[in-house]
Protein backbone atom coordinates (compact mmCIF):
# COMPACT_ATOMS: atom_id res chain seq x y z
CA MET A 1 52.87 6.12 -64.99
CA ILE A 2 53.91 3.28 -62.68
CA PHE A 3 50.31 2.21 -62.04
CA GLY A 4 49.05 -0.87 -63.81
CA TRP A 5 52.40 -2.65 -63.47
CA SER A 6 52.81 -5.67 -61.22
CA ALA A 7 55.91 -4.22 -59.57
CA THR A 8 55.65 -3.11 -55.93
CA TYR A 9 56.65 0.35 -54.71
CA SER A 10 56.94 1.52 -51.13
CA PHE A 11 56.55 5.22 -50.30
CA GLU A 12 57.89 5.82 -46.80
CA ILE A 13 58.30 8.57 -44.23
CA TYR A 14 60.75 8.05 -41.37
CA PHE A 15 61.47 9.85 -38.14
CA LEU A 16 65.00 8.89 -37.06
CA ASN A 17 67.24 10.69 -34.60
CA GLN A 18 64.67 13.50 -34.55
CA THR A 19 64.91 14.02 -38.30
CA VAL A 20 62.16 13.37 -40.87
CA TYR A 21 63.16 11.53 -44.05
CA PHE A 22 61.15 10.85 -47.23
CA CYS A 23 62.12 7.56 -48.87
CA LEU A 24 60.99 5.48 -51.82
CA THR A 25 61.89 1.87 -52.58
CA TYR A 26 61.32 0.30 -55.98
CA PRO A 27 62.67 -2.51 -58.20
CA THR A 28 66.20 -1.92 -59.45
CA ASP A 29 65.11 -2.22 -63.08
CA LYS A 30 62.75 0.76 -62.60
CA VAL A 31 65.41 3.26 -61.51
CA THR A 32 65.35 5.35 -64.68
CA LEU A 33 61.54 5.38 -64.83
CA VAL A 34 61.01 6.39 -61.20
CA GLN A 35 63.72 9.04 -61.13
CA SER A 36 62.49 10.62 -64.37
CA LEU A 37 58.93 10.75 -63.00
CA LEU A 38 60.09 12.35 -59.76
CA THR A 39 62.30 14.96 -61.41
CA SER A 40 59.61 15.91 -63.92
CA SER A 41 57.00 16.32 -61.16
CA PHE A 42 59.37 17.91 -58.63
CA PRO A 43 62.14 19.70 -60.60
CA GLN A 44 64.06 20.74 -57.46
CA ILE A 45 64.04 17.31 -55.84
CA LYS A 46 67.33 15.80 -54.70
CA ILE A 47 67.40 12.01 -55.11
CA GLN A 48 70.02 10.16 -53.14
CA GLN A 49 70.58 6.45 -52.68
CA THR A 50 70.93 5.38 -49.06
CA THR A 51 71.05 2.35 -46.81
CA ASP A 52 67.75 0.85 -45.67
CA PRO A 53 66.44 3.07 -42.84
CA LEU A 54 64.01 0.35 -41.76
CA THR A 55 66.87 -1.49 -40.09
CA ILE A 56 67.42 1.53 -37.83
CA VAL A 57 63.77 1.54 -36.75
CA LEU A 58 63.84 -2.18 -36.03
CA LYS A 59 66.97 -1.99 -33.88
CA ASN A 60 64.77 -1.07 -30.94
CA LYS A 61 63.16 -4.08 -29.26
CA SER A 62 59.97 -2.33 -28.13
CA LEU A 63 57.68 -2.13 -31.20
CA ALA A 64 54.10 -1.09 -31.86
CA PHE A 65 52.55 -1.35 -35.31
CA GLY A 66 49.25 -1.47 -37.15
CA GLU A 67 47.50 -0.50 -40.37
CA ILE A 68 45.46 2.38 -41.74
CA THR A 69 42.39 1.33 -43.75
CA LEU A 70 39.67 3.07 -45.75
CA THR A 71 36.32 3.07 -43.94
CA SER A 72 34.19 3.05 -47.12
CA GLY A 73 36.18 0.81 -49.41
CA TYR A 74 37.65 2.14 -52.61
CA TYR A 75 34.50 3.67 -54.11
CA TYR A 76 34.83 7.08 -52.49
CA PRO A 77 37.83 9.44 -52.58
CA ILE A 78 39.67 10.94 -49.65
CA LYS A 79 40.54 14.62 -49.32
CA THR A 80 43.29 15.48 -51.81
CA TYR A 81 45.71 18.36 -52.26
CA ILE A 82 43.10 20.15 -54.39
CA ASP A 83 40.95 20.47 -51.25
CA PHE A 84 43.72 21.97 -49.09
CA LYS A 85 44.01 25.75 -49.17
CA GLU A 86 47.54 27.14 -48.69
CA VAL A 87 48.35 24.24 -46.36
CA ASP A 88 50.46 21.22 -47.21
CA PRO A 89 48.38 18.04 -46.80
CA LEU A 90 51.24 16.50 -44.81
CA SER A 91 51.60 19.39 -42.36
CA SER A 92 49.66 17.57 -39.63
CA LEU A 93 51.66 14.36 -39.98
CA ILE A 94 55.09 15.98 -40.37
CA GLY A 95 54.38 18.54 -37.67
CA PHE A 96 53.56 15.72 -35.27
CA LEU A 97 56.74 13.79 -36.12
CA SER A 98 58.99 16.83 -35.74
CA LYS A 99 58.02 17.18 -32.06
CA GLN A 100 58.71 13.61 -30.99
CA PRO A 101 61.37 12.61 -28.43
CA ALA A 102 64.74 11.25 -29.49
CA GLN A 103 64.05 7.82 -27.96
CA LEU A 104 61.35 7.07 -30.55
CA SER A 105 61.63 6.09 -34.21
CA TYR A 106 58.69 6.17 -36.63
CA LEU A 107 57.78 4.63 -39.97
CA VAL A 108 54.86 5.43 -42.27
CA GLN A 109 54.89 2.85 -45.05
CA ILE A 110 52.63 3.11 -48.11
CA VAL A 111 53.02 0.01 -50.27
CA LEU A 112 51.57 0.21 -53.78
CA THR A 113 51.05 -2.44 -56.43
CA ALA A 114 48.69 -3.03 -59.37
CA SER A 115 45.08 -3.80 -58.54
CA SER A 116 43.80 -7.29 -59.33
CA ILE A 117 40.29 -5.97 -60.15
CA ASN A 118 39.01 -3.61 -62.84
CA TRP A 119 38.04 -0.98 -60.28
CA GLN A 120 37.63 1.96 -62.68
CA ASP A 121 35.04 0.16 -64.80
CA GLN A 122 33.17 -0.87 -61.66
CA LEU A 123 33.05 2.73 -60.43
CA MET A 124 31.91 4.02 -63.83
CA THR A 125 29.10 1.46 -63.84
CA GLU A 126 28.06 2.42 -60.32
CA ALA A 127 28.16 6.14 -61.16
CA GLY A 128 25.81 5.58 -64.11
CA LYS A 129 23.18 3.68 -62.15
CA MET A 130 19.81 5.33 -61.52
CA HIS A 131 18.57 5.42 -57.91
CA TYR A 132 14.95 5.39 -56.81
CA ASP A 133 13.97 8.41 -54.69
CA SER A 134 11.08 7.36 -52.45
CA THR A 135 10.30 11.00 -51.63
CA SER A 136 9.71 12.12 -55.20
CA GLY A 137 8.62 8.70 -56.41
CA ARG A 138 10.98 8.70 -59.38
CA TYR A 139 14.44 7.57 -60.41
CA THR A 140 17.31 10.02 -60.20
CA GLN A 141 21.02 9.99 -60.89
CA ASN A 142 23.36 8.52 -58.31
CA PRO A 143 23.78 11.30 -55.70
CA HIS A 144 27.45 10.34 -55.37
CA LYS A 145 28.10 10.36 -59.11
CA MET A 146 30.60 13.25 -59.03
CA LEU A 147 32.58 11.68 -56.18
CA LEU A 148 32.81 8.38 -58.02
CA LEU A 149 33.89 10.08 -61.23
CA LYS A 150 36.48 12.05 -59.28
CA LYS A 151 37.97 8.78 -58.06
CA THR A 152 38.14 7.30 -61.57
CA SER A 153 39.73 10.36 -63.17
CA PHE A 154 43.21 9.10 -62.28
CA GLN A 155 44.88 5.73 -62.55
CA GLY A 156 45.60 3.92 -59.30
CA GLY A 157 46.51 0.72 -57.53
CA LYS A 158 45.85 -1.18 -54.34
CA VAL A 159 47.59 0.20 -51.29
CA ALA A 160 48.59 -1.01 -47.83
CA ILE A 161 49.34 1.74 -45.29
CA ARG A 162 51.34 0.49 -42.33
CA LEU A 163 52.55 2.36 -39.26
CA LEU A 164 55.36 1.36 -36.93
CA VAL A 165 56.80 3.04 -33.84
CA SER A 166 59.82 1.73 -31.94
CA SER A 167 61.18 2.86 -28.59
CA GLY A 168 64.80 2.78 -27.50
CA ASP A 169 63.76 3.44 -23.91
CA LYS A 170 62.17 0.53 -22.04
CA ASN A 171 60.23 3.02 -19.93
CA ILE A 172 58.47 4.52 -22.96
CA ASN A 173 55.56 2.50 -24.37
CA PRO A 174 55.39 3.15 -28.13
CA TYR A 175 51.71 2.17 -28.50
CA PRO A 176 50.14 5.51 -27.38
CA PHE A 177 52.44 7.27 -29.85
CA LEU A 178 51.29 4.89 -32.57
CA LEU A 179 47.68 5.89 -31.91
CA ASN A 180 48.62 9.57 -32.09
CA LEU A 181 50.41 8.98 -35.39
CA ALA A 182 47.33 7.24 -36.78
CA GLY A 183 45.22 10.19 -35.65
CA THR A 184 47.09 12.55 -37.98
CA PHE A 185 45.48 10.74 -40.93
CA GLY A 186 42.21 12.36 -39.92
CA SER A 187 43.31 15.40 -41.92
CA PHE A 188 42.60 13.42 -45.11
CA SER A 189 38.94 12.77 -44.20
CA LEU A 190 36.42 13.95 -46.78
CA GLY A 191 32.98 14.50 -45.23
CA GLU A 192 30.87 13.15 -48.07
CA GLY A 193 33.64 10.85 -49.26
CA ASN A 194 36.09 8.55 -47.50
CA GLN A 195 38.33 8.55 -44.47
CA PHE A 196 41.02 6.47 -42.80
CA SER A 197 40.74 4.44 -39.61
CA PHE A 198 43.37 2.66 -37.54
CA LYS A 199 43.40 -1.12 -37.35
CA LYS A 200 45.48 -2.71 -34.61
CA SER A 201 47.04 -6.06 -35.36
CA VAL A 202 45.62 -8.43 -32.72
CA PHE A 203 46.22 -11.78 -34.43
CA PHE A 204 49.15 -12.76 -36.64
CA LYS A 205 51.29 -9.86 -35.43
CA ASP A 206 54.47 -11.46 -36.67
CA PHE A 207 52.86 -11.90 -40.08
CA LEU A 208 52.17 -8.17 -40.38
CA LEU A 209 55.65 -7.28 -39.16
CA GLU A 210 57.12 -9.59 -41.79
CA LYS A 211 55.11 -7.84 -44.51
CA ILE A 212 56.42 -4.48 -43.26
CA LYS A 213 59.98 -5.77 -43.50
CA LYS A 214 59.46 -7.20 -46.99
CA ARG A 215 57.31 -4.29 -48.23
CA LYS A 216 54.86 -6.67 -49.90
CA ILE A 217 51.12 -6.99 -50.55
CA ARG A 218 49.70 -10.42 -51.22
CA TYR A 219 47.59 -10.97 -54.34
CA PHE A 220 44.26 -11.29 -52.50
CA GLU A 221 45.12 -8.63 -49.91
CA LYS A 222 43.67 -5.10 -49.89
CA GLN A 223 41.29 -5.74 -52.81
CA ASN A 224 39.02 -2.93 -51.56
CA GLN A 225 41.73 -0.43 -50.70
CA ILE A 226 42.59 1.45 -53.85
CA LEU A 227 44.03 4.94 -54.09
CA ASN A 228 44.42 6.87 -57.32
CA ALA A 229 47.48 8.92 -58.25
CA GLN A 230 46.02 12.15 -56.87
CA GLU A 231 45.26 10.55 -53.50
CA LEU A 232 48.68 8.93 -53.32
CA ALA A 233 50.40 12.23 -54.12
CA THR A 234 48.44 13.75 -51.24
CA ILE A 235 49.55 11.33 -48.53
CA TRP A 236 53.16 11.09 -49.80
CA HIS A 237 55.14 13.73 -51.64
CA PRO A 238 58.56 15.35 -51.22
CA PRO A 239 58.48 18.35 -48.85
CA GLY A 240 58.04 21.79 -50.41
CA TYR A 241 57.99 25.40 -49.27
CA LEU A 242 54.70 24.93 -47.41
CA LEU A 243 56.56 22.62 -45.02
CA SER A 244 59.63 24.83 -44.74
CA GLY A 245 58.50 26.19 -41.38
CA ILE A 246 58.66 22.73 -39.81
CA LYS A 247 62.02 21.89 -38.32
CA ASN A 248 63.84 18.56 -38.48
CA ILE A 249 63.06 17.73 -42.13
CA ALA A 250 66.09 16.27 -43.90
CA TRP A 251 66.39 18.76 -46.77
CA GLY A 252 68.88 16.73 -48.80
CA LYS A 253 70.78 15.44 -45.78
CA THR A 254 72.49 12.07 -45.80
CA LEU A 255 70.87 9.45 -43.61
CA LYS A 256 73.17 8.94 -40.64
CA GLY A 257 73.16 7.05 -37.38
CA GLU A 258 72.94 8.33 -33.83
CA PRO A 259 75.40 11.05 -32.73
CA PRO A 260 78.04 9.89 -30.23
CA GLU A 261 76.68 9.40 -26.72
CA ASN A 262 79.59 11.41 -25.32
CA LEU A 263 79.02 14.41 -27.61
CA PRO A 264 79.61 17.39 -25.29
CA VAL A 265 76.45 19.47 -25.36
CA ALA A 266 74.79 21.84 -22.94
CA LEU A 267 71.35 23.45 -22.87
CA ILE A 268 71.31 27.14 -23.72
CA LYS A 269 69.65 28.00 -20.42
CA ARG A 270 72.61 26.60 -18.49
CA THR A 271 75.45 29.05 -17.86
CA VAL A 272 78.51 27.10 -18.86
CA LEU A 273 80.88 29.68 -17.37
CA GLU A 274 79.68 29.27 -13.81
CA LYS A 275 82.38 28.16 -11.41
CA ASP A 276 80.52 25.04 -10.38
CA SER A 277 79.45 24.21 -13.92
CA PRO A 278 80.40 20.70 -15.11
CA TYR A 279 81.13 22.31 -18.50
CA LYS A 280 83.71 24.84 -17.28
CA ASN A 281 86.61 22.98 -18.92
CA ILE A 282 84.83 22.55 -22.26
CA ASN A 283 85.15 25.12 -25.04
CA PHE A 284 81.75 25.43 -26.76
CA PHE A 285 81.85 27.05 -30.18
CA ALA A 286 78.46 26.64 -31.87
CA LYS A 287 74.71 26.67 -31.25
CA THR A 288 72.12 24.39 -32.82
CA GLU A 289 68.94 22.50 -32.11
CA PHE A 290 69.78 19.10 -30.65
CA LYS A 291 67.02 16.68 -29.60
CA ASN A 292 64.40 19.41 -30.01
CA LYS A 293 66.22 21.78 -27.63
CA GLU A 294 68.46 24.76 -28.22
CA THR A 295 71.94 23.50 -27.43
CA ILE A 296 75.56 24.58 -27.64
CA PHE A 297 78.37 22.19 -28.44
């Protein structure tokens, strides 16, 4: 698979114009490899090249951003799709995004590259160590042996998880929404294993924003944040039928900009035929959901 290579890949989820998009950026010389892997794993996937959606998020001047980090380093696994029963692991995250106001844009960026340490061998060594039990007065196997072996059963790489929220309305502070977005990662917490926590960028803010723009991880960065293929497939994967009940997912749609500001729309609850209605001279011909409200246009 793509792990073990020095190339950098960015798995991204966007919320733009009240629509959720799943995106993946990768080196141009890896097009055939990545597309073949995606189509073999998700036979019904529709892959479409598009313009960079990050530029749309960054158009807004009011920004809030930070990082998601593992609380227990890379030794212990997070909750994976095997542990979810008839629920898509992304339902909490995507459900949250689908209910957000039109003035906000969101980015979940998961940047992956090869690890600079031999993490699998280190975990295997740790799993094989004997631990002294003071209660019984004898040595026993590592009580976390199965968790450690679960982590090493798949290849992986070091990962940086970055969150960004931008607001097009100067009266809406994006930071509280950033905290709520980070809170959705609590669904991946494994009681006896690992979990994610939010880390706000206090110093070197511009440095983090630049890394988000360039989708890069430095060589000595995130040495202790490694996710294996199973964990990565849990926190990012194309939407399937378990997410079909969530509105606003771009099921093969083309990424487009904002609709015209003068698009004539009216809420369903308004009676457009009333004599004093401002819409009385407009002929409405269709009904849809526009900005999370039932609307006719």
